[in-house]
Amino acid sequence: MTEHIAETAVGKTRSSFLDKLIFNHAALGYLLKGQFYLYKGHRPRGSIMVPRDYSAISVASMEDPEADAQMIQYLRQLGVQHVRLDFGYEAPTDHTARFLELLLAEQFKVLLRLVQPREESQQ
């Protein structure tokens, strides 16, 4: 087993094994003390306001054009103007391109996330 040696900010060297040991000791201590448990910790403590320019709300289309119209209606109800759309190599010839055109026509700001075809991503 090759041990990686890292130089710290003060110029001393420390092994990656020691770093892992320190981290695991701290994480285990935190867990055993019950620090990971927070009553209703998964819920926000107050009301959440989504910024108007928040673009991490992902949208997708279906082959049925009525589904696109329904998605637009939902986005309008939520007051969302910025969306993210996965756009792959096959998208210009399928329903994704149609949905993109509709989003742009409806004055949405669209962040395209370019994705490769599933077959290529599994290689």
PDB file of N, CA and C in Angstrom:
ATOM      1  N   MET A   1       0.834  -1.171   0.000  1.00  0.00           N
ATOM      2  CA  MET A   1       0.000   0.000   0.000  1.00  0.00           C
ATOM      3  C   MET A   1       0.884   1.242   0.000  1.00  0.00           C
ATOM      4  N   THR A   2       0.655   2.118  -0.975  1.00  0.00           N
ATOM      5  CA  THR A   2       1.438   3.344  -1.072  1.00  0.00           C
ATOM      6  C   THR A   2       0.764   4.420  -0.243  1.00  0.00           C
ATOM      7  N   GLU A   3       1.545   5.079   0.579  1.00  0.00           N
ATOM      8  CA  GLU A   3       0.987   6.111   1.442  1.00  0.00           C
ATOM      9  C   GLU A   3       1.290   7.466   0.844  1.00  0.00           C
ATOM     10  N   HIS A   4       0.262   8.264   0.663  1.00  0.00           N
ATOM     11  CA  HIS A   4       0.419   9.590   0.097  1.00  0.00           C
ATOM     12  C   HIS A   4       0.787  10.549   1.219  1.00  0.00           C
ATOM     13  N   ILE A   5       1.810  11.351   1.005  1.00  0.00           N
ATOM     14  CA  ILE A   5       2.251  12.317   2.004  1.00  0.00           C
ATOM     15  C   ILE A   5       1.866  13.708   1.511  1.00  0.00           C
ATOM     16  N   ALA A   6       1.172  14.460   2.351  1.00  0.00           N
ATOM     17  CA  ALA A   6       0.750  15.808   2.004  1.00  0.00           C
ATOM     18  C   ALA A   6       1.481  16.813   2.872  1.00  0.00           C
ATOM     19  N   GLU A   7       1.760  17.985   2.301  1.00  0.00           N
ATOM     20  CA  GLU A   7       2.405  19.037   3.070  1.00  0.00           C
ATOM     21  C   GLU A   7       1.329  19.941   3.642  1.00  0.00           C
ATOM     22  N   THR A   8       1.398  20.207   4.924  1.00  0.00           N
ATOM     23  CA  THR A   8       0.395  21.042   5.571  1.00  0.00           C
ATOM     24  C   THR A   8       0.779  22.506   5.431  1.00  0.00           C
ATOM     25  N   ALA A   9      -0.077  23.384   5.907  1.00  0.00           N
ATOM     26  CA  ALA A   9       0.144  24.827   5.784  1.00  0.00           C
ATOM     27  C   ALA A   9       1.385  25.272   6.541  1.00  0.00           C
ATOM     28  N   VAL A  10       1.768  24.587   7.595  1.00  0.00           N
ATOM     29  CA  VAL A  10       2.944  24.978   8.368  1.00  0.00           C
ATOM     30  C   VAL A  10       4.212  24.307   7.865  1.00  0.00           C
ATOM     31  N   GLY A  11       4.125  23.576   6.771  1.00  0.00           N
ATOM     32  CA  GLY A  11       5.301  22.977   6.175  1.00  0.00           C
ATOM     33  C   GLY A  11       5.613  21.577   6.649  1.00  0.00           C
ATOM     34  N   LYS A  12       4.888  21.056   7.622  1.00  0.00           N
ATOM     35  CA  LYS A  12       5.112  19.694   8.105  1.00  0.00           C
ATOM     36  C   LYS A  12       4.371  18.726   7.192  1.00  0.00           C
ATOM     37  N   THR A  13       4.851  17.514   7.103  1.00  0.00           N
ATOM     38  CA  THR A  13       4.182  16.510   6.280  1.00  0.00           C
ATOM     39  C   THR A  13       3.300  15.637   7.136  1.00  0.00           C
ATOM     40  N   ARG A  14       2.185  15.214   6.539  1.00  0.00           N
ATOM     41  CA  ARG A  14       1.236  14.354   7.237  1.00  0.00           C
ATOM     42  C   ARG A  14       0.689  13.374   6.217  1.00  0.00           C
ATOM     43  N   SER A  15       0.525  12.139   6.595  1.00  0.00           N
ATOM     44  CA  SER A  15       0.069  11.120   5.651  1.00  0.00           C
ATOM     45  C   SER A  15      -1.435  11.197   5.461  1.00  0.00           C
ATOM     46  N   SER A  16      -1.911  10.726   4.297  1.00  0.00           N
ATOM     47  CA  SER A  16      -3.346  10.685   4.043  1.00  0.00           C
ATOM     48  C   SER A  16      -4.019   9.695   4.989  1.00  0.00           C
ATOM     49  N   PHE A  17      -3.285   8.670   5.422  1.00  0.00           N
ATOM     50  CA  PHE A  17      -3.836   7.727   6.393  1.00  0.00           C
ATOM     51  C   PHE A  17      -4.161   8.439   7.695  1.00  0.00           C
ATOM     52  N   LEU A  18      -3.277   9.308   8.147  1.00  0.00           N
ATOM     53  CA  LEU A  18      -3.507  10.051   9.375  1.00  0.00           C
ATOM     54  C   LEU A  18      -4.699  10.998   9.201  1.00  0.00           C
ATOM     55  N   ASP A  19      -4.800  11.641   8.040  1.00  0.00           N
ATOM     56  CA  ASP A  19      -5.943  12.519   7.764  1.00  0.00           C
ATOM     57  C   ASP A  19      -7.253  11.744   7.848  1.00  0.00           C
ATOM     58  N   LYS A  20      -7.286  10.567   7.246  1.00  0.00           N
ATOM     59  CA  LYS A  20      -8.497   9.740   7.280  1.00  0.00           C
ATOM     60  C   LYS A  20      -8.816   9.293   8.697  1.00  0.00           C
ATOM     61  N   LEU A  21      -7.797   8.940   9.449  1.00  0.00           N
ATOM     62  CA  LEU A  21      -7.988   8.514  10.825  1.00  0.00           C
ATOM     63  C   LEU A  21      -8.576   9.640  11.667  1.00  0.00           C
ATOM     64  N   ILE A  22      -8.052  10.840  11.516  1.00  0.00           N
ATOM     65  CA  ILE A  22      -8.555  12.001  12.268  1.00  0.00           C
ATOM     66  C   ILE A  22      -9.999  12.289  11.878  1.00  0.00           C
ATOM     67  N   PHE A  23     -10.290  12.273  10.591  1.00  0.00           N
ATOM     68  CA  PHE A  23     -11.651  12.542  10.129  1.00  0.00           C
ATOM     69  C   PHE A  23     -12.625  11.491  10.652  1.00  0.00           C
ATOM     70  N   ASN A  24     -12.274  10.213  10.505  1.00  0.00           N
ATOM     71  CA  ASN A  24     -13.155   9.139  10.959  1.00  0.00           C
ATOM     72  C   ASN A  24     -13.383   9.198  12.468  1.00  0.00           C
ATOM     73  N   HIS A  25     -12.355   9.521  13.221  1.00  0.00           N
ATOM     74  CA  HIS A  25     -12.498   9.644  14.676  1.00  0.00           C
ATOM     75  C   HIS A  25     -13.479  10.767  15.011  1.00  0.00           C
ATOM     76  N   ALA A  26     -13.358  11.902  14.357  1.00  0.00           N
ATOM     77  CA  ALA A  26     -14.249  13.031  14.620  1.00  0.00           C
ATOM     78  C   ALA A  26     -15.678  12.701  14.210  1.00  0.00           C
ATOM     79  N   ALA A  27     -15.854  12.082  13.038  1.00  0.00           N
ATOM     80  CA  ALA A  27     -17.201  11.748  12.558  1.00  0.00           C
ATOM     81  C   ALA A  27     -17.856  10.717  13.473  1.00  0.00           C
ATOM     82  N   LEU A  28     -17.110   9.709  13.894  1.00  0.00           N
ATOM     83  CA  LEU A  28     -17.651   8.687  14.778  1.00  0.00           C
ATOM     84  C   LEU A  28     -18.038   9.288  16.132  1.00  0.00           C
ATOM     85  N   GLY A  29     -17.193  10.157  16.663  1.00  0.00           N
ATOM     86  CA  GLY A  29     -17.515  10.815  17.930  1.00  0.00           C
ATOM     87  C   GLY A  29     -18.760  11.665  17.814  1.00  0.00           C
ATOM     88  N   TYR A  30     -18.889  12.370  16.727  1.00  0.00           N
ATOM     89  CA  TYR A  30     -20.067  13.207  16.483  1.00  0.00           C
ATOM     90  C   TYR A  30     -21.321  12.351  16.420  1.00  0.00           C
ATOM     91  N   LEU A  31     -21.243  11.224  15.713  1.00  0.00           N
ATOM     92  CA  LEU A  31     -22.378  10.332  15.564  1.00  0.00           C
ATOM     93  C   LEU A  31     -22.768   9.693  16.900  1.00  0.00           C
ATOM     94  N   LEU A  32     -21.784   9.205  17.639  1.00  0.00           N
ATOM     95  CA  LEU A  32     -22.066   8.525  18.902  1.00  0.00           C
ATOM     96  C   LEU A  32     -22.617   9.457  19.971  1.00  0.00           C
ATOM     97  N   LYS A  33     -22.317  10.729  19.876  1.00  0.00           N
ATOM     98  CA  LYS A  33     -22.848  11.695  20.834  1.00  0.00           C
ATOM     99  C   LYS A  33     -24.267  12.120  20.461  1.00  0.00           C
ATOM    100  N   GLY A  34     -24.801  11.595  19.353  1.00  0.00           N
ATOM    101  CA  GLY A  34     -26.154  11.941  18.942  1.00  0.00           C
ATOM    102  C   GLY A  34     -26.254  13.285  18.256  1.00  0.00           C
ATOM    103  N   GLN A  35     -25.161  13.787  17.784  1.00  0.00           N
ATOM    104  CA  GLN A  35     -25.166  15.113  17.172  1.00  0.00           C
ATOM    105  C   GLN A  35     -25.831  15.144  15.800  1.00  0.00           C
ATOM    106  N   PHE A  36     -25.971  13.986  15.154  1.00  0.00           N
ATOM    107  CA  PHE A  36     -26.603  13.974  13.839  1.00  0.00           C
ATOM    108  C   PHE A  36     -28.120  14.039  13.943  1.00  0.00           C
ATOM    109  N   TYR A  37     -28.661  13.810  15.120  1.00  0.00           N
ATOM    110  CA  TYR A  37     -30.105  13.822  15.281  1.00  0.00           C
ATOM    111  C   TYR A  37     -30.577  15.219  15.644  1.00  0.00           C
ATOM    112  N   LEU A  38     -31.416  15.777  14.835  1.00  0.00           N
ATOM    113  CA  LEU A  38     -32.041  17.062  15.109  1.00  0.00           C
ATOM    114  C   LEU A  38     -33.538  16.885  14.962  1.00  0.00           C
ATOM    115  N   TYR A  39     -34.297  17.226  15.985  1.00  0.00           N
ATOM    116  CA  TYR A  39     -35.743  17.116  15.902  1.00  0.00           C
ATOM    117  C   TYR A  39     -36.237  18.015  14.772  1.00  0.00           C
ATOM    118  N   LYS A  40     -36.902  17.425  13.807  1.00  0.00           N
ATOM    119  CA  LYS A  40     -37.384  18.134  12.613  1.00  0.00           C
ATOM    120  C   LYS A  40     -36.236  18.866  11.908  1.00  0.00           C
ATOM    121  N   GLY A  41     -35.051  18.308  11.991  1.00  0.00           N
ATOM    122  CA  GLY A  41     -33.874  18.943  11.421  1.00  0.00           C
ATOM    123  C   GLY A  41     -33.883  19.013   9.904  1.00  0.00           C
ATOM    124  N   HIS A  42     -34.708  18.188   9.270  1.00  0.00           N
ATOM    125  CA  HIS A  42     -34.764  18.198   7.815  1.00  0.00           C
ATOM    126  C   HIS A  42     -35.702  19.275   7.297  1.00  0.00           C
ATOM    127  N   ARG A  43     -36.391  19.976   8.193  1.00  0.00           N
ATOM    128  CA  ARG A  43     -37.338  21.007   7.782  1.00  0.00           C
ATOM    129  C   ARG A  43     -36.729  22.389   7.998  1.00  0.00           C
ATOM    130  N   PRO A  44     -37.024  23.327   7.120  1.00  0.00           N
ATOM    131  CA  PRO A  44     -36.510  24.686   7.325  1.00  0.00           C
ATOM    132  C   PRO A  44     -37.123  25.318   8.573  1.00  0.00           C
ATOM    133  N   ARG A  45     -36.389  26.202   9.198  1.00  0.00           N
ATOM    134  CA  ARG A  45     -36.853  26.815  10.443  1.00  0.00           C
ATOM    135  C   ARG A  45     -37.831  27.957  10.208  1.00  0.00           C
ATOM    136  N   GLY A  46     -37.934  28.452   9.033  1.00  0.00           N
ATOM    137  CA  GLY A  46     -38.851  29.546   8.734  1.00  0.00           C
ATOM    138  C   GLY A  46     -39.349  29.420   7.322  1.00  0.00           C
ATOM    139  N   SER A  47     -40.041  30.446   6.880  1.00  0.00           N
ATOM    140  CA  SER A  47     -40.518  30.400   5.501  1.00  0.00           C
ATOM    141  C   SER A  47     -39.330  30.567   4.565  1.00  0.00           C
ATOM    142  N   ILE A  48     -39.419  29.924   3.448  1.00  0.00           N
ATOM    143  CA  ILE A  48     -38.345  29.953   2.458  1.00  0.00           C
ATOM    144  C   ILE A  48     -38.818  30.762   1.261  1.00  0.00           C
ATOM    145  N   MET A  49     -38.022  31.703   0.861  1.00  0.00           N
ATOM    146  CA  MET A  49     -38.318  32.478  -0.339  1.00  0.00           C
ATOM    147  C   MET A  49     -37.339  32.045  -1.427  1.00  0.00           C
ATOM    148  N   VAL A  50     -37.872  31.588  -2.539  1.00  0.00           N
ATOM    149  CA  VAL A  50     -37.032  31.211  -3.668  1.00  0.00           C
ATOM    150  C   VAL A  50     -36.736  32.483  -4.455  1.00  0.00           C
ATOM    151  N   PRO A  51     -35.474  32.834  -4.643  1.00  0.00           N
ATOM    152  CA  PRO A  51     -35.154  34.048  -5.403  1.00  0.00           C
ATOM    153  C   PRO A  51     -35.717  33.973  -6.823  1.00  0.00           C
ATOM    154  N   ARG A  52     -36.092  35.119  -7.360  1.00  0.00           N
ATOM    155  CA  ARG A  52     -36.701  35.152  -8.691  1.00  0.00           C
ATOM    156  C   ARG A  52     -35.758  34.609  -9.763  1.00  0.00           C
ATOM    157  N   ASP A  53     -34.450  34.760  -9.574  1.00  0.00           N
ATOM    158  CA  ASP A  53     -33.504  34.304 -10.587  1.00  0.00           C
ATOM    159  C   ASP A  53     -32.894  32.940 -10.261  1.00  0.00           C
ATOM    160  N   TYR A  54     -33.529  32.183  -9.375  1.00  0.00           N
ATOM    161  CA  TYR A  54     -33.048  30.853  -9.005  1.00  0.00           C
ATOM    162  C   TYR A  54     -33.264  29.908 -10.181  1.00  0.00           C
ATOM    163  N   SER A  55     -32.212  29.274 -10.657  1.00  0.00           N
ATOM    164  CA  SER A  55     -32.327  28.461 -11.872  1.00  0.00           C
ATOM    165  C   SER A  55     -32.118  26.977 -11.640  1.00  0.00           C
ATOM    166  N   ALA A  56     -32.219  26.516 -10.439  1.00  0.00           N
ATOM    167  CA  ALA A  56     -31.984  25.102 -10.182  1.00  0.00           C
ATOM    168  C   ALA A  56     -33.264  24.281 -10.213  1.00  0.00           C
ATOM    169  N   ILE A  57     -34.365  24.888 -10.624  1.00  0.00           N
ATOM    170  CA  ILE A  57     -35.595  24.126 -10.767  1.00  0.00           C
ATOM    171  C   ILE A  57     -35.556  23.487 -12.147  1.00  0.00           C
ATOM    172  N   SER A  58     -35.432  22.178 -12.159  1.00  0.00           N
ATOM    173  CA  SER A  58     -35.314  21.448 -13.420  1.00  0.00           C
ATOM    174  C   SER A  58     -36.691  21.137 -13.978  1.00  0.00           C
ATOM    175  N   VAL A  59     -36.795  21.257 -15.279  1.00  0.00           N
ATOM    176  CA  VAL A  59     -38.035  20.919 -15.968  1.00  0.00           C
ATOM    177  C   VAL A  59     -37.712  19.906 -17.056  1.00  0.00           C
ATOM    178  N   ALA A  60     -38.722  19.171 -17.456  1.00  0.00           N
ATOM    179  CA  ALA A  60     -38.567  18.197 -18.536  1.00  0.00           C
ATOM    180  C   ALA A  60     -39.897  18.109 -19.265  1.00  0.00           C
ATOM    181  N   SER A  61     -39.837  17.655 -20.482  1.00  0.00           N
ATOM    182  CA  SER A  61     -41.065  17.546 -21.263  1.00  0.00           C
ATOM    183  C   SER A  61     -41.397  16.084 -21.521  1.00  0.00           C
ATOM    184  N   MET A  62     -42.592  15.914 -22.042  1.00  0.00           N
ATOM    185  CA  MET A  62     -43.048  14.590 -22.450  1.00  0.00           C
ATOM    186  C   MET A  62     -43.432  14.681 -23.917  1.00  0.00           C
ATOM    187  N   GLU A  63     -43.706  13.565 -24.535  1.00  0.00           N
ATOM    188  CA  GLU A  63     -44.067  13.582 -25.951  1.00  0.00           C
ATOM    189  C   GLU A  63     -45.378  14.316 -26.199  1.00  0.00           C
ATOM    190  N   ASP A  64     -46.270  14.301 -25.224  1.00  0.00           N
ATOM    191  CA  ASP A  64     -47.561  14.953 -25.354  1.00  0.00           C
ATOM    192  C   ASP A  64     -47.402  16.469 -25.175  1.00  0.00           C
ATOM    193  N   PRO A  65     -47.746  17.285 -26.181  1.00  0.00           N
ATOM    194  CA  PRO A  65     -47.621  18.739 -26.061  1.00  0.00           C
ATOM    195  C   PRO A  65     -48.477  19.333 -24.933  1.00  0.00           C
ATOM    196  N   GLU A  66     -49.561  18.665 -24.577  1.00  0.00           N
ATOM    197  CA  GLU A  66     -50.398  19.165 -23.474  1.00  0.00           C
ATOM    198  C   GLU A  66     -49.624  19.152 -22.150  1.00  0.00           C
ATOM    199  N   ALA A  67     -48.698  18.230 -22.018  1.00  0.00           N
ATOM    200  CA  ALA A  67     -47.881  18.176 -20.801  1.00  0.00           C
ATOM    201  C   ALA A  67     -46.999  19.419 -20.701  1.00  0.00           C
ATOM    202  N   ASP A  68     -46.532  19.917 -21.838  1.00  0.00           N
ATOM    203  CA  ASP A  68     -45.730  21.145 -21.836  1.00  0.00           C
ATOM    204  C   ASP A  68     -46.554  22.314 -21.320  1.00  0.00           C
ATOM    205  N   ALA A  69     -47.774  22.436 -21.808  1.00  0.00           N
ATOM    206  CA  ALA A  69     -48.655  23.520 -21.379  1.00  0.00           C
ATOM    207  C   ALA A  69     -48.943  23.415 -19.886  1.00  0.00           C
ATOM    208  N   GLN A  70     -49.115  22.205 -19.396  1.00  0.00           N
ATOM    209  CA  GLN A  70     -49.366  22.002 -17.963  1.00  0.00           C
ATOM    210  C   GLN A  70     -48.153  22.413 -17.149  1.00  0.00           C
ATOM    211  N   MET A  71     -46.964  22.075 -17.625  1.00  0.00           N
ATOM    212  CA  MET A  71     -45.733  22.446 -16.928  1.00  0.00           C
ATOM    213  C   MET A  71     -45.594  23.969 -16.876  1.00  0.00           C
ATOM    214  N   ILE A  72     -45.896  24.640 -17.971  1.00  0.00           N
ATOM    215  CA  ILE A  72     -45.840  26.101 -18.008  1.00  0.00           C
ATOM    216  C   ILE A  72     -46.814  26.680 -16.983  1.00  0.00           C
ATOM    217  N   GLN A  73     -47.992  26.115 -16.908  1.00  0.00           N
ATOM    218  CA  GLN A  73     -48.995  26.579 -15.950  1.00  0.00           C
ATOM    219  C   GLN A  73     -48.491  26.417 -14.514  1.00  0.00           C
ATOM    220  N   TYR A  74     -47.895  25.277 -14.201  1.00  0.00           N
ATOM    221  CA  TYR A  74     -47.351  25.056 -12.864  1.00  0.00           C
ATOM    222  C   TYR A  74     -46.250  26.071 -12.534  1.00  0.00           C
ATOM    223  N   LEU A  75     -45.378  26.312 -13.492  1.00  0.00           N
ATOM    224  CA  LEU A  75     -44.292  27.269 -13.274  1.00  0.00           C
ATOM    225  C   LEU A  75     -44.842  28.667 -13.022  1.00  0.00           C
ATOM    226  N   ARG A  76     -45.865  29.030 -13.764  1.00  0.00           N
ATOM    227  CA  ARG A  76     -46.509  30.338 -13.561  1.00  0.00           C
ATOM    228  C   ARG A  76     -47.127  30.427 -12.161  1.00  0.00           C
ATOM    229  N   GLN A  77     -47.782  29.367 -11.722  1.00  0.00           N
ATOM    230  CA  GLN A  77     -48.393  29.364 -10.395  1.00  0.00           C
ATOM    231  C   GLN A  77     -47.345  29.539  -9.299  1.00  0.00           C
ATOM    232  N   LEU A  78     -46.175  28.954  -9.515  1.00  0.00           N
ATOM    233  CA  LEU A  78     -45.093  29.069  -8.540  1.00  0.00           C
ATOM    234  C   LEU A  78     -44.339  30.393  -8.644  1.00  0.00           C
ATOM    235  N   GLY A  79     -44.550  31.116  -9.728  1.00  0.00           N
ATOM    236  CA  GLY A  79     -43.837  32.375  -9.931  1.00  0.00           C
ATOM    237  C   GLY A  79     -42.400  32.184 -10.364  1.00  0.00           C
ATOM    238  N   VAL A  80     -42.107  31.044 -10.936  1.00  0.00           N
ATOM    239  CA  VAL A  80     -40.744  30.729 -11.366  1.00  0.00           C
ATOM    240  C   VAL A  80     -40.527  31.248 -12.783  1.00  0.00           C
ATOM    241  N   GLN A  81     -39.433  31.955 -12.993  1.00  0.00           N
ATOM    242  CA  GLN A  81     -39.100  32.472 -14.316  1.00  0.00           C
ATOM    243  C   GLN A  81     -37.805  31.878 -14.875  1.00  0.00           C
ATOM    244  N   HIS A  82     -37.003  31.271 -14.025  1.00  0.00           N
ATOM    245  CA  HIS A  82     -35.725  30.685 -14.435  1.00  0.00           C
ATOM    246  C   HIS A  82     -35.801  29.181 -14.237  1.00  0.00           C
ATOM    247  N   VAL A  83     -35.482  28.423 -15.285  1.00  0.00           N
ATOM    248  CA  VAL A  83     -35.546  26.966 -15.208  1.00  0.00           C
ATOM    249  C   VAL A  83     -34.286  26.353 -15.799  1.00  0.00           C
ATOM    250  N   ARG A  84     -34.089  25.096 -15.484  1.00  0.00           N
ATOM    251  CA  ARG A  84     -32.967  24.333 -16.049  1.00  0.00           C
ATOM    252  C   ARG A  84     -33.545  23.178 -16.843  1.00  0.00           C
ATOM    253  N   LEU A  85     -33.010  22.968 -18.034  1.00  0.00           N
ATOM    254  CA  LEU A  85     -33.500  21.927 -18.936  1.00  0.00           C
ATOM    255  C   LEU A  85     -32.326  21.096 -19.417  1.00  0.00           C
ATOM    256  N   ASP A  86     -32.414  19.769 -19.249  1.00  0.00           N
ATOM    257  CA  ASP A  86     -31.390  18.870 -19.787  1.00  0.00           C
ATOM    258  C   ASP A  86     -31.565  18.783 -21.290  1.00  0.00           C
ATOM    259  N   PHE A  87     -30.465  18.965 -22.010  1.00  0.00           N
ATOM    260  CA  PHE A  87     -30.516  18.993 -23.467  1.00  0.00           C
ATOM    261  C   PHE A  87     -29.398  18.104 -23.988  1.00  0.00           C
ATOM    262  N   GLY A  88     -29.762  16.996 -24.633  1.00  0.00           N
ATOM    263  CA  GLY A  88     -28.782  16.045 -25.133  1.00  0.00           C
ATOM    264  C   GLY A  88     -28.618  16.124 -26.639  1.00  0.00           C
ATOM    265  N   TYR A  89     -27.794  15.251 -27.175  1.00  0.00           N
ATOM    266  CA  TYR A  89     -27.528  15.226 -28.616  1.00  0.00           C
ATOM    267  C   TYR A  89     -28.796  14.972 -29.415  1.00  0.00           C
ATOM    268  N   GLU A  90     -29.673  14.148 -28.877  1.00  0.00           N
ATOM    269  CA  GLU A  90     -30.892  13.807 -29.603  1.00  0.00           C
ATOM    270  C   GLU A  90     -31.984  14.861 -29.415  1.00  0.00           C
ATOM    271  N   ALA A  91     -31.783  15.822 -28.537  1.00  0.00           N
ATOM    272  CA  ALA A  91     -32.807  16.812 -28.199  1.00  0.00           C
ATOM    273  C   ALA A  91     -33.288  17.658 -29.384  1.00  0.00           C
ATOM    274  N   PRO A  92     -32.423  18.064 -30.316  1.00  0.00           N
ATOM    275  CA  PRO A  92     -32.939  18.898 -31.415  1.00  0.00           C
ATOM    276  C   PRO A  92     -34.003  18.210 -32.272  1.00  0.00           C
ATOM    277  N   THR A  93     -34.095  16.903 -32.211  1.00  0.00           N
ATOM    278  CA  THR A  93     -35.067  16.193 -33.041  1.00  0.00           C
ATOM    279  C   THR A  93     -36.204  15.570 -32.236  1.00  0.00           C
ATOM    280  N   ASP A  94     -36.263  15.822 -30.928  1.00  0.00           N
ATOM    281  CA  ASP A  94     -37.343  15.230 -30.138  1.00  0.00           C
ATOM    282  C   ASP A  94     -38.151  16.315 -29.421  1.00  0.00           C
ATOM    283  N   HIS A  95     -38.976  15.915 -28.494  1.00  0.00           N
ATOM    284  CA  HIS A  95     -39.888  16.834 -27.821  1.00  0.00           C
ATOM    285  C   HIS A  95     -39.185  17.851 -26.935  1.00  0.00           C
ATOM    286  N   THR A  96     -37.920  17.617 -26.595  1.00  0.00           N
ATOM    287  CA  THR A  96     -37.187  18.569 -25.761  1.00  0.00           C
ATOM    288  C   THR A  96     -37.004  19.896 -26.494  1.00  0.00           C
ATOM    289  N   ALA A  97     -36.724  19.839 -27.791  1.00  0.00           N
ATOM    290  CA  ALA A  97     -36.569  21.063 -28.573  1.00  0.00           C
ATOM    291  C   ALA A  97     -37.881  21.835 -28.631  1.00  0.00           C
ATOM    292  N   ARG A  98     -38.982  21.136 -28.785  1.00  0.00           N
ATOM    293  CA  ARG A  98     -40.294  21.784 -28.806  1.00  0.00           C
ATOM    294  C   ARG A  98     -40.557  22.499 -27.482  1.00  0.00           C
ATOM    295  N   PHE A  99     -40.227  21.832 -26.383  1.00  0.00           N
ATOM    296  CA  PHE A  99     -40.442  22.406 -25.063  1.00  0.00           C
ATOM    297  C   PHE A  99     -39.540  23.617 -24.841  1.00  0.00           C
ATOM    298  N   LEU A 100     -38.300  23.536 -25.302  1.00  0.00           N
ATOM    299  CA  LEU A 100     -37.385  24.671 -25.194  1.00  0.00           C
ATOM    300  C   LEU A 100     -37.946  25.884 -25.933  1.00  0.00           C
ATOM    301  N   GLU A 101     -38.428  25.668 -27.139  1.00  0.00           N
ATOM    302  CA  GLU A 101     -39.008  26.771 -27.916  1.00  0.00           C
ATOM    303  C   GLU A 101     -40.199  27.389 -27.182  1.00  0.00           C
ATOM    304  N   LEU A 102     -41.029  26.561 -26.575  1.00  0.00           N
ATOM    305  CA  LEU A 102     -42.176  27.056 -25.828  1.00  0.00           C
ATOM    306  C   LEU A 102     -41.739  27.868 -24.604  1.00  0.00           C
ATOM    307  N   LEU A 103     -40.751  27.365 -23.882  1.00  0.00           N
ATOM    308  CA  LEU A 103     -40.245  28.100 -22.724  1.00  0.00           C
ATOM    309  C   LEU A 103     -39.714  29.469 -23.121  1.00  0.00           C
ATOM    310  N   LEU A 104     -38.955  29.510 -24.203  1.00  0.00           N
ATOM    311  CA  LEU A 104     -38.407  30.787 -24.664  1.00  0.00           C
ATOM    312  C   LEU A 104     -39.513  31.721 -25.147  1.00  0.00           C
ATOM    313  N   ALA A 105     -40.513  31.186 -25.846  1.00  0.00           N
ATOM    314  CA  ALA A 105     -41.640  31.999 -26.318  1.00  0.00           C
ATOM    315  C   ALA A 105     -42.437  32.568 -25.147  1.00  0.00           C
ATOM    316  N   GLU A 106     -42.470  31.831 -24.027  1.00  0.00           N
ATOM    317  CA  GLU A 106     -43.191  32.280 -22.839  1.00  0.00           C
ATOM    318  C   GLU A 106     -42.320  33.159 -21.937  1.00  0.00           C
ATOM    319  N   GLN A 107     -41.163  33.585 -22.440  1.00  0.00           N
ATOM    320  CA  GLN A 107     -40.261  34.516 -21.752  1.00  0.00           C
ATOM    321  C   GLN A 107     -39.574  33.940 -20.510  1.00  0.00           C
ATOM    322  N   PHE A 108     -39.402  32.613 -20.475  1.00  0.00           N
ATOM    323  CA  PHE A 108     -38.643  32.009 -19.380  1.00  0.00           C
ATOM    324  C   PHE A 108     -37.158  32.146 -19.681  1.00  0.00           C
ATOM    325  N   LYS A 109     -36.375  32.276 -18.642  1.00  0.00           N
ATOM    326  CA  LYS A 109     -34.919  32.225 -18.753  1.00  0.00           C
ATOM    327  C   LYS A 109     -34.545  30.762 -18.576  1.00  0.00           C
ATOM    328  N   VAL A 110     -33.804  30.218 -19.550  1.00  0.00           N
ATOM    329  CA  VAL A 110     -33.521  28.783 -19.553  1.00  0.00           C
ATOM    330  C   VAL A 110     -32.017  28.552 -19.459  1.00  0.00           C
ATOM    331  N   LEU A 111     -31.638  27.748 -18.482  1.00  0.00           N
ATOM    332  CA  LEU A 111     -30.263  27.280 -18.361  1.00  0.00           C
ATOM    333  C   LEU A 111     -30.236  25.881 -18.947  1.00  0.00           C
ATOM    334  N   LEU A 112     -29.506  25.707 -20.040  1.00  0.00           N
ATOM    335  CA  LEU A 112     -29.412  24.381 -20.661  1.00  0.00           C
ATOM    336  C   LEU A 112     -28.285  23.603 -20.007  1.00  0.00           C
ATOM    337  N   ARG A 113     -28.595  22.416 -19.573  1.00  0.00           N
ATOM    338  CA  ARG A 113     -27.575  21.500 -19.060  1.00  0.00           C
ATOM    339  C   ARG A 113     -27.340  20.471 -20.143  1.00  0.00           C
ATOM    340  N   LEU A 114     -26.187  20.547 -20.765  1.00  0.00           N
ATOM    341  CA  LEU A 114     -25.873  19.643 -21.865  1.00  0.00           C
ATOM    342  C   LEU A 114     -25.474  18.284 -21.314  1.00  0.00           C
ATOM    343  N   VAL A 115     -26.171  17.259 -21.769  1.00  0.00           N
ATOM    344  CA  VAL A 115     -25.912  15.903 -21.289  1.00  0.00           C
ATOM    345  C   VAL A 115     -25.636  14.987 -22.470  1.00  0.00           C
ATOM    346  N   GLN A 116     -24.811  14.003 -22.231  1.00  0.00           N
ATOM    347  CA  GLN A 116     -24.518  13.028 -23.280  1.00  0.00           C
ATOM    348  C   GLN A 116     -25.549  11.918 -23.244  1.00  0.00           C
ATOM    349  N   PRO A 117     -25.691  11.207 -24.345  1.00  0.00           N
ATOM    350  CA  PRO A 117     -26.651  10.100 -24.364  1.00  0.00           C
ATOM    351  C   PRO A 117     -26.313   9.053 -23.300  1.00  0.00           C
ATOM    352  N   ARG A 118     -27.337   8.403 -22.810  1.00  0.00           N
ATOM    353  CA  ARG A 118     -27.184   7.415 -21.750  1.00  0.00           C
ATOM    354  C   ARG A 118     -26.185   6.330 -22.132  1.00  0.00           C
ATOM    355  N   GLU A 119     -26.217   5.886 -23.389  1.00  0.00           N
ATOM    356  CA  GLU A 119     -25.306   4.826 -23.815  1.00  0.00           C
ATOM    357  C   GLU A 119     -23.847   5.266 -23.679  1.00  0.00           C
ATOM    358  N   GLU A 120     -23.551   6.505 -24.044  1.00  0.00           N
ATOM    359  CA  GLU A 120     -22.175   6.995 -23.933  1.00  0.00           C
ATOM    360  C   GLU A 120     -21.757   7.197 -22.476  1.00  0.00           C
ATOM    361  N   SER A 121     -22.677   7.590 -21.634  1.00  0.00           N
ATOM    362  CA  SER A 121     -22.328   7.861 -20.245  1.00  0.00           C
ATOM    363  C   SER A 121     -22.011   6.567 -19.478  1.00  0.00           C
ATOM    364  N   GLN A 122     -22.476   5.441 -19.987  1.00  0.00           N
ATOM    365  CA  GLN A 122     -22.237   4.171 -19.306  1.00  0.00           C
ATOM    366  C   GLN A 122     -20.956   3.500 -19.766  1.00  0.00           C
ATOM    367  N   GLN A 123     -20.233   4.106 -20.675  1.00  0.00           N
ATOM    368  CA  GLN A 123     -18.980   3.500 -21.173  1.00  0.00           C
ATOM    369  C   GLN A 123     -17.826   3.859 -20.279  1.00  0.00           C
TER     370      GLN A 123
END
